[in-house]
């Protein structure tokens, strides 16, 4: 229908209307474990009677991420070499509930109007902790640095839509109109705490050091 020229493309998406009358829907759920517990679940319900067609979709998910790492590095100097031993643990939790609501009304066989709302919340909590042991062969200069990085934030997207669709002739010519209102909110907070202590006992092992107060 269109010439294949230029770099732009046209995507024409035609959504099928719900032809089932009455109420129908479905539910689903799942669990996840990767060192942390996560889940996903939700459902949808559709209702059609006469000229009205409505739907509601709810999706709730908790996605988790766990990372455990050990780093060992050696920095060689002209006189002294420094060992860098680090244990790290990172936990990330993402809570994402989403709700979609909508209804359409058929004015007649050729014209319809409707409204839709999409509400999405994204909340993230990230906890990253490290214990770093530095030593250069001089016991009085050995040290342990414990670092805690806490990042949390919330984001929500609220979208309201009003739309119209009309068939102008039998050749497939249509007229559509959409009115959208979108509200976005993004807030993040970060806290970084570092604590360093000197270690003067040359007989103190690394595992003992990391578990001592």
C-alpha atoms as a PDB file:
ATOM      1  CA  UNK A   1       0.000   0.000   0.000  1.00  0.00           C
ATOM      2  CA  UNK A   2       2.967   2.329   0.711  1.00  0.00           C
ATOM      3  CA  UNK A   3       6.225   2.797  -1.207  1.00  0.00           C
ATOM      4  CA  UNK A   4       9.318   1.348   0.469  1.00  0.00           C
ATOM      5  CA  UNK A   5      11.253   4.606   0.559  1.00  0.00           C
ATOM      6  CA  UNK A   6      13.250   6.336   3.253  1.00  0.00           C
ATOM      7  CA  UNK A   7      14.160   4.988   6.683  1.00  0.00           C
ATOM      8  CA  UNK A   8      10.811   5.413   8.424  1.00  0.00           C
ATOM      9  CA  UNK A   9       8.255   2.633   8.678  1.00  0.00           C
ATOM     10  CA  UNK A  10       4.531   2.350   9.262  1.00  0.00           C
ATOM     11  CA  UNK A  11       3.083  -0.119  11.735  1.00  0.00           C
ATOM     12  CA  UNK A  12      -0.656  -0.604  11.493  1.00  0.00           C
ATOM     13  CA  UNK A  13      -2.082  -2.427  14.508  1.00  0.00           C
ATOM     14  CA  UNK A  14      -5.749  -3.399  14.484  1.00  0.00           C
ATOM     15  CA  UNK A  15      -6.993  -4.672  17.833  1.00  0.00           C
ATOM     16  CA  UNK A  16      -9.855  -7.158  17.829  1.00  0.00           C
ATOM     17  CA  UNK A  17     -12.858  -6.183  19.868  1.00  0.00           C
ATOM     18  CA  UNK A  18     -14.175  -8.508  22.519  1.00  0.00           C
ATOM     19  CA  UNK A  19     -16.969 -10.458  20.825  1.00  0.00           C
ATOM     20  CA  UNK A  20     -17.809 -12.630  23.840  1.00  0.00           C
ATOM     21  CA  UNK A  21     -20.883 -11.517  25.757  1.00  0.00           C
ATOM     22  CA  UNK A  22     -21.155 -11.728  29.507  1.00  0.00           C
ATOM     23  CA  UNK A  23     -18.156 -12.094  31.824  1.00  0.00           C
ATOM     24  CA  UNK A  24     -14.912 -13.958  31.144  1.00  0.00           C
ATOM     25  CA  UNK A  25     -11.417 -13.741  32.521  1.00  0.00           C
ATOM     26  CA  UNK A  26      -8.317 -15.556  33.717  1.00  0.00           C
ATOM     27  CA  UNK A  27      -5.789 -15.590  36.565  1.00  0.00           C
ATOM     28  CA  UNK A  28      -2.132 -16.598  36.770  1.00  0.00           C
ATOM     29  CA  UNK A  29       0.680 -16.784  39.295  1.00  0.00           C
ATOM     30  CA  UNK A  30       4.287 -17.846  39.718  1.00  0.00           C
ATOM     31  CA  UNK A  31       7.115 -18.045  42.258  1.00  0.00           C
ATOM     32  CA  UNK A  32      10.838 -17.362  41.926  1.00  0.00           C
ATOM     33  CA  UNK A  33      13.778 -18.182  44.185  1.00  0.00           C
ATOM     34  CA  UNK A  34      17.371 -17.162  43.484  1.00  0.00           C
ATOM     35  CA  UNK A  35      18.525 -16.758  47.060  1.00  0.00           C
ATOM     36  CA  UNK A  36      15.688 -14.270  47.525  1.00  0.00           C
ATOM     37  CA  UNK A  37      11.968 -14.889  47.158  1.00  0.00           C
ATOM     38  CA  UNK A  38      10.042 -13.319  44.297  1.00  0.00           C
ATOM     39  CA  UNK A  39       6.637 -13.794  42.763  1.00  0.00           C
ATOM     40  CA  UNK A  40       4.304 -12.668  40.005  1.00  0.00           C
ATOM     41  CA  UNK A  41       0.570 -12.869  39.693  1.00  0.00           C
ATOM     42  CA  UNK A  42      -2.484 -11.220  38.313  1.00  0.00           C
ATOM     43  CA  UNK A  43      -5.622 -11.618  36.332  1.00  0.00           C
ATOM     44  CA  UNK A  44      -7.980 -10.017  33.874  1.00  0.00           C
ATOM     45  CA  UNK A  45     -11.717  -9.776  33.573  1.00  0.00           C
ATOM     46  CA  UNK A  46     -13.815  -8.756  30.565  1.00  0.00           C
ATOM     47  CA  UNK A  47     -17.476  -7.805  30.498  1.00  0.00           C
ATOM     48  CA  UNK A  48     -19.625  -7.183  27.453  1.00  0.00           C
ATOM     49  CA  UNK A  49     -23.326  -6.458  27.346  1.00  0.00           C
ATOM     50  CA  UNK A  50     -25.201  -4.626  24.632  1.00  0.00           C
ATOM     51  CA  UNK A  51     -23.190  -1.650  23.411  1.00  0.00           C
ATOM     52  CA  UNK A  52     -20.814  -1.675  26.379  1.00  0.00           C
ATOM     53  CA  UNK A  53     -17.508  -3.524  26.522  1.00  0.00           C
ATOM     54  CA  UNK A  54     -15.277  -3.199  29.610  1.00  0.00           C
ATOM     55  CA  UNK A  55     -12.104  -4.774  30.961  1.00  0.00           C
ATOM     56  CA  UNK A  56      -9.809  -4.741  33.995  1.00  0.00           C
ATOM     57  CA  UNK A  57      -6.250  -6.119  34.187  1.00  0.00           C
ATOM     58  CA  UNK A  58      -4.178  -6.406  37.364  1.00  0.00           C
ATOM     59  CA  UNK A  59      -0.542  -7.502  37.481  1.00  0.00           C
ATOM     60  CA  UNK A  60       1.609  -7.663  40.622  1.00  0.00           C
ATOM     61  CA  UNK A  61       5.250  -8.732  40.595  1.00  0.00           C
ATOM     62  CA  UNK A  62       8.201  -8.807  42.986  1.00  0.00           C
ATOM     63  CA  UNK A  63      11.470  -9.299  41.120  1.00  0.00           C
ATOM     64  CA  UNK A  64      14.629 -10.024  43.065  1.00  0.00           C
ATOM     65  CA  UNK A  65      18.334  -9.969  42.304  1.00  0.00           C
ATOM     66  CA  UNK A  66      21.113 -11.415  44.448  1.00  0.00           C
ATOM     67  CA  UNK A  67      24.817 -10.994  43.729  1.00  0.00           C
ATOM     68  CA  UNK A  68      27.605 -12.432  45.876  1.00  0.00           C
ATOM     69  CA  UNK A  69      31.185 -11.718  44.899  1.00  0.00           C
ATOM     70  CA  UNK A  70      34.724 -12.092  46.193  1.00  0.00           C
ATOM     71  CA  UNK A  71      37.592  -9.970  44.848  1.00  0.00           C
ATOM     72  CA  UNK A  72      41.291 -10.528  45.448  1.00  0.00           C
ATOM     73  CA  UNK A  73      43.773  -8.049  43.974  1.00  0.00           C
ATOM     74  CA  UNK A  74      47.501  -7.463  44.344  1.00  0.00           C
ATOM     75  CA  UNK A  75      48.995  -4.025  43.678  1.00  0.00           C
ATOM     76  CA  UNK A  76      52.756  -4.228  43.356  1.00  0.00           C
ATOM     77  CA  UNK A  77      54.893  -1.265  44.368  1.00  0.00           C
ATOM     78  CA  UNK A  78      58.592  -0.587  44.209  1.00  0.00           C
ATOM     79  CA  UNK A  79      59.038  -1.317  47.922  1.00  0.00           C
ATOM     80  CA  UNK A  80      55.708  -2.653  49.195  1.00  0.00           C
ATOM     81  CA  UNK A  81      52.848  -4.596  47.650  1.00  0.00           C
ATOM     82  CA  UNK A  82      49.248  -4.161  48.786  1.00  0.00           C
ATOM     83  CA  UNK A  83      46.685  -6.961  48.993  1.00  0.00           C
ATOM     84  CA  UNK A  84      43.062  -5.990  48.405  1.00  0.00           C
ATOM     85  CA  UNK A  85      40.570  -8.644  49.590  1.00  0.00           C
ATOM     86  CA  UNK A  86      36.870  -7.868  49.352  1.00  0.00           C
ATOM     87  CA  UNK A  87      33.622  -9.715  50.018  1.00  0.00           C
ATOM     88  CA  UNK A  88      30.458  -8.207  48.527  1.00  0.00           C
ATOM     89  CA  UNK A  89      26.755  -8.945  48.757  1.00  0.00           C
ATOM     90  CA  UNK A  90      24.076  -7.094  46.818  1.00  0.00           C
ATOM     91  CA  UNK A  91      20.324  -7.553  47.242  1.00  0.00           C
ATOM     92  CA  UNK A  92      17.828  -5.875  44.930  1.00  0.00           C
ATOM     93  CA  UNK A  93      14.039  -5.969  45.234  1.00  0.00           C
ATOM     94  CA  UNK A  94      11.629  -4.519  42.667  1.00  0.00           C
ATOM     95  CA  UNK A  95       7.906  -4.285  43.409  1.00  0.00           C
ATOM     96  CA  UNK A  96       5.832  -3.549  40.297  1.00  0.00           C
ATOM     97  CA  UNK A  97       2.019  -3.469  40.510  1.00  0.00           C
ATOM     98  CA  UNK A  98       0.088  -2.426  37.385  1.00  0.00           C
ATOM     99  CA  UNK A  99      -3.633  -1.809  36.927  1.00  0.00           C
ATOM    100  CA  UNK A 100      -5.434  -1.189  33.610  1.00  0.00           C
ATOM    101  CA  UNK A 101      -9.116  -0.286  33.307  1.00  0.00           C
ATOM    102  CA  UNK A 102     -11.149   0.564  30.248  1.00  0.00           C
ATOM    103  CA  UNK A 103     -14.593   0.701  28.725  1.00  0.00           C
ATOM    104  CA  UNK A 104     -15.962   1.281  25.204  1.00  0.00           C
ATOM    105  CA  UNK A 105     -19.420   2.264  24.026  1.00  0.00           C
ATOM    106  CA  UNK A 106     -20.677   1.573  20.509  1.00  0.00           C
ATOM    107  CA  UNK A 107     -22.728   4.559  19.392  1.00  0.00           C
ATOM    108  CA  UNK A 108     -23.718   2.532  16.336  1.00  0.00           C
ATOM    109  CA  UNK A 109     -22.060   0.014  14.036  1.00  0.00           C
ATOM    110  CA  UNK A 110     -19.659   2.635  12.680  1.00  0.00           C
ATOM    111  CA  UNK A 111     -18.828   4.869  15.627  1.00  0.00           C
ATOM    112  CA  UNK A 112     -17.564   4.147  19.142  1.00  0.00           C
ATOM    113  CA  UNK A 113     -16.058   6.049  22.073  1.00  0.00           C
ATOM    114  CA  UNK A 114     -14.216   4.912  25.149  1.00  0.00           C
ATOM    115  CA  UNK A 115     -11.953   5.707  28.076  1.00  0.00           C
ATOM    116  CA  UNK A 116      -8.979   3.879  29.551  1.00  0.00           C
ATOM    117  CA  UNK A 117      -6.712   4.252  32.605  1.00  0.00           C
ATOM    118  CA  UNK A 118      -3.270   2.727  33.155  1.00  0.00           C
ATOM    119  CA  UNK A 119      -1.714   2.921  36.648  1.00  0.00           C
ATOM    120  CA  UNK A 120       1.822   1.613  37.193  1.00  0.00           C
ATOM    121  CA  UNK A 121       4.004   1.785  40.315  1.00  0.00           C
ATOM    122  CA  UNK A 122       7.681   0.815  40.431  1.00  0.00           C
ATOM    123  CA  UNK A 123       9.437   0.625  43.802  1.00  0.00           C
ATOM    124  CA  UNK A 124      13.075  -0.421  44.111  1.00  0.00           C
ATOM    125  CA  UNK A 125      15.251  -1.182  47.147  1.00  0.00           C
ATOM    126  CA  UNK A 126      18.934  -1.951  46.668  1.00  0.00           C
ATOM    127  CA  UNK A 127      21.289  -2.985  49.488  1.00  0.00           C
ATOM    128  CA  UNK A 128      24.979  -3.340  48.571  1.00  0.00           C
ATOM    129  CA  UNK A 129      27.463  -4.175  51.361  1.00  0.00           C
ATOM    130  CA  UNK A 130      31.181  -4.834  51.145  1.00  0.00           C
ATOM    131  CA  UNK A 131      33.985  -5.737  53.569  1.00  0.00           C
ATOM    132  CA  UNK A 132      37.447  -4.808  52.269  1.00  0.00           C
ATOM    133  CA  UNK A 133      40.694  -5.884  53.923  1.00  0.00           C
ATOM    134  CA  UNK A 134      43.856  -3.966  52.940  1.00  0.00           C
ATOM    135  CA  UNK A 135      47.313  -5.137  53.940  1.00  0.00           C
ATOM    136  CA  UNK A 136      50.817  -4.313  52.773  1.00  0.00           C
ATOM    137  CA  UNK A 137      53.002  -6.486  55.008  1.00  0.00           C
ATOM    138  CA  UNK A 138      53.120  -3.928  57.826  1.00  0.00           C
ATOM    139  CA  UNK A 139      50.680  -5.120  60.467  1.00  0.00           C
ATOM    140  CA  UNK A 140      50.182  -1.673  61.986  1.00  0.00           C
ATOM    141  CA  UNK A 141      48.867  -0.400  58.645  1.00  0.00           C
ATOM    142  CA  UNK A 142      46.377  -3.206  57.955  1.00  0.00           C
ATOM    143  CA  UNK A 143      42.775  -2.005  57.805  1.00  0.00           C
ATOM    144  CA  UNK A 144      39.223  -3.153  57.273  1.00  0.00           C
ATOM    145  CA  UNK A 145      36.679  -0.962  55.486  1.00  0.00           C
ATOM    146  CA  UNK A 146      33.012  -1.864  55.726  1.00  0.00           C
ATOM    147  CA  UNK A 147      30.816  -0.042  53.216  1.00  0.00           C
ATOM    148  CA  UNK A 148      27.042   0.055  53.019  1.00  0.00           C
ATOM    149  CA  UNK A 149      25.330   1.490  49.941  1.00  0.00           C
ATOM    150  CA  UNK A 150      21.556   1.856  50.239  1.00  0.00           C
ATOM    151  CA  UNK A 151      19.499   3.076  47.293  1.00  0.00           C
ATOM    152  CA  UNK A 152      15.710   3.170  47.245  1.00  0.00           C
ATOM    153  CA  UNK A 153      13.266   4.892  44.992  1.00  0.00           C
ATOM    154  CA  UNK A 154       9.751   4.954  43.649  1.00  0.00           C
ATOM    155  CA  UNK A 155       8.369   5.728  40.220  1.00  0.00           C
ATOM    156  CA  UNK A 156       4.788   5.859  39.071  1.00  0.00           C
ATOM    157  CA  UNK A 157       3.159   6.426  35.716  1.00  0.00           C
ATOM    158  CA  UNK A 158      -0.508   7.366  35.517  1.00  0.00           C
ATOM    159  CA  UNK A 159      -2.124   7.545  32.086  1.00  0.00           C
ATOM    160  CA  UNK A 160      -5.731   8.419  31.222  1.00  0.00           C
ATOM    161  CA  UNK A 161      -7.037   8.133  27.686  1.00  0.00           C
ATOM    162  CA  UNK A 162     -10.266   9.077  25.907  1.00  0.00           C
ATOM    163  CA  UNK A 163     -10.685   7.873  22.326  1.00  0.00           C
ATOM    164  CA  UNK A 164     -13.051   7.863  19.380  1.00  0.00           C
ATOM    165  CA  UNK A 165     -13.138   5.601  16.328  1.00  0.00           C
ATOM    166  CA  UNK A 166     -15.351   5.906  13.284  1.00  0.00           C
ATOM    167  CA  UNK A 167     -15.679   4.185   9.918  1.00  0.00           C
ATOM    168  CA  UNK A 168     -16.340   6.790   7.241  1.00  0.00           C
ATOM    169  CA  UNK A 169     -17.081   4.527   4.275  1.00  0.00           C
ATOM    170  CA  UNK A 170     -17.070   0.926   3.070  1.00  0.00           C
ATOM    171  CA  UNK A 171     -13.535   1.210   1.661  1.00  0.00           C
ATOM    172  CA  UNK A 172     -11.932   1.099   5.085  1.00  0.00           C
ATOM    173  CA  UNK A 173     -11.429   4.824   5.665  1.00  0.00           C
ATOM    174  CA  UNK A 174     -11.430   5.498   9.409  1.00  0.00           C
ATOM    175  CA  UNK A 175     -11.194   8.529  11.637  1.00  0.00           C
ATOM    176  CA  UNK A 176      -9.674   8.205  15.096  1.00  0.00           C
ATOM    177  CA  UNK A 177      -9.008  10.690  17.866  1.00  0.00           C
ATOM    178  CA  UNK A 178      -7.178  10.292  21.174  1.00  0.00           C
ATOM    179  CA  UNK A 179      -6.833  12.538  24.183  1.00  0.00           C
ATOM    180  CA  UNK A 180      -4.179  11.518  26.724  1.00  0.00           C
ATOM    181  CA  UNK A 181      -3.215  12.777  30.158  1.00  0.00           C
ATOM    182  CA  UNK A 182       0.034  11.449  31.641  1.00  0.00           C
ATOM    183  CA  UNK A 183       1.475  12.069  35.122  1.00  0.00           C
ATOM    184  CA  UNK A 184       5.005  10.896  36.012  1.00  0.00           C
ATOM    185  CA  UNK A 185       6.732  10.834  39.391  1.00  0.00           C
ATOM    186  CA  UNK A 186      10.302   9.763  40.103  1.00  0.00           C
ATOM    187  CA  UNK A 187      11.960   9.933  43.531  1.00  0.00           C
ATOM    188  CA  UNK A 188      15.231   8.276  44.587  1.00  0.00           C
ATOM    189  CA  UNK A 189      17.313   8.407  47.745  1.00  0.00           C
ATOM    190  CA  UNK A 190      20.838   7.105  48.290  1.00  0.00           C
ATOM    191  CA  UNK A 191      22.884   6.622  51.447  1.00  0.00           C
ATOM    192  CA  UNK A 192      26.572   5.679  51.511  1.00  0.00           C
ATOM    193  CA  UNK A 193      28.217   4.698  54.800  1.00  0.00           C
ATOM    194  CA  UNK A 194      31.902   3.774  55.084  1.00  0.00           C
ATOM    195  CA  UNK A 195      33.547   2.567  58.289  1.00  0.00           C
ATOM    196  CA  UNK A 196      37.282   1.908  58.509  1.00  0.00           C
ATOM    197  CA  UNK A 197      39.129   0.295  61.411  1.00  0.00           C
ATOM    198  CA  UNK A 198      42.822  -0.336  61.860  1.00  0.00           C
ATOM    199  CA  UNK A 199      43.983  -3.883  62.483  1.00  0.00           C
ATOM    200  CA  UNK A 200      47.187  -4.225  64.485  1.00  0.00           C
ATOM    201  CA  UNK A 201      47.101  -7.951  65.339  1.00  0.00           C
ATOM    202  CA  UNK A 202      49.277  -9.770  62.758  1.00  0.00           C
ATOM    203  CA  UNK A 203      47.832 -13.106  63.854  1.00  0.00           C
ATOM    204  CA  UNK A 204      44.267 -12.123  63.045  1.00  0.00           C
ATOM    205  CA  UNK A 205      43.075 -14.084  60.034  1.00  0.00           C
ATOM    206  CA  UNK A 206      40.876 -12.680  57.306  1.00  0.00           C
ATOM    207  CA  UNK A 207      37.826 -14.728  58.241  1.00  0.00           C
ATOM    208  CA  UNK A 208      38.219 -13.783  61.900  1.00  0.00           C
ATOM    209  CA  UNK A 209      38.562 -10.150  60.917  1.00  0.00           C
ATOM    210  CA  UNK A 210      35.416 -10.042  58.827  1.00  0.00           C
ATOM    211  CA  UNK A 211      33.332 -11.577  61.596  1.00  0.00           C
ATOM    212  CA  UNK A 212      34.744  -9.541  64.481  1.00  0.00           C
ATOM    213  CA  UNK A 213      33.010  -6.472  65.902  1.00  0.00           C
END
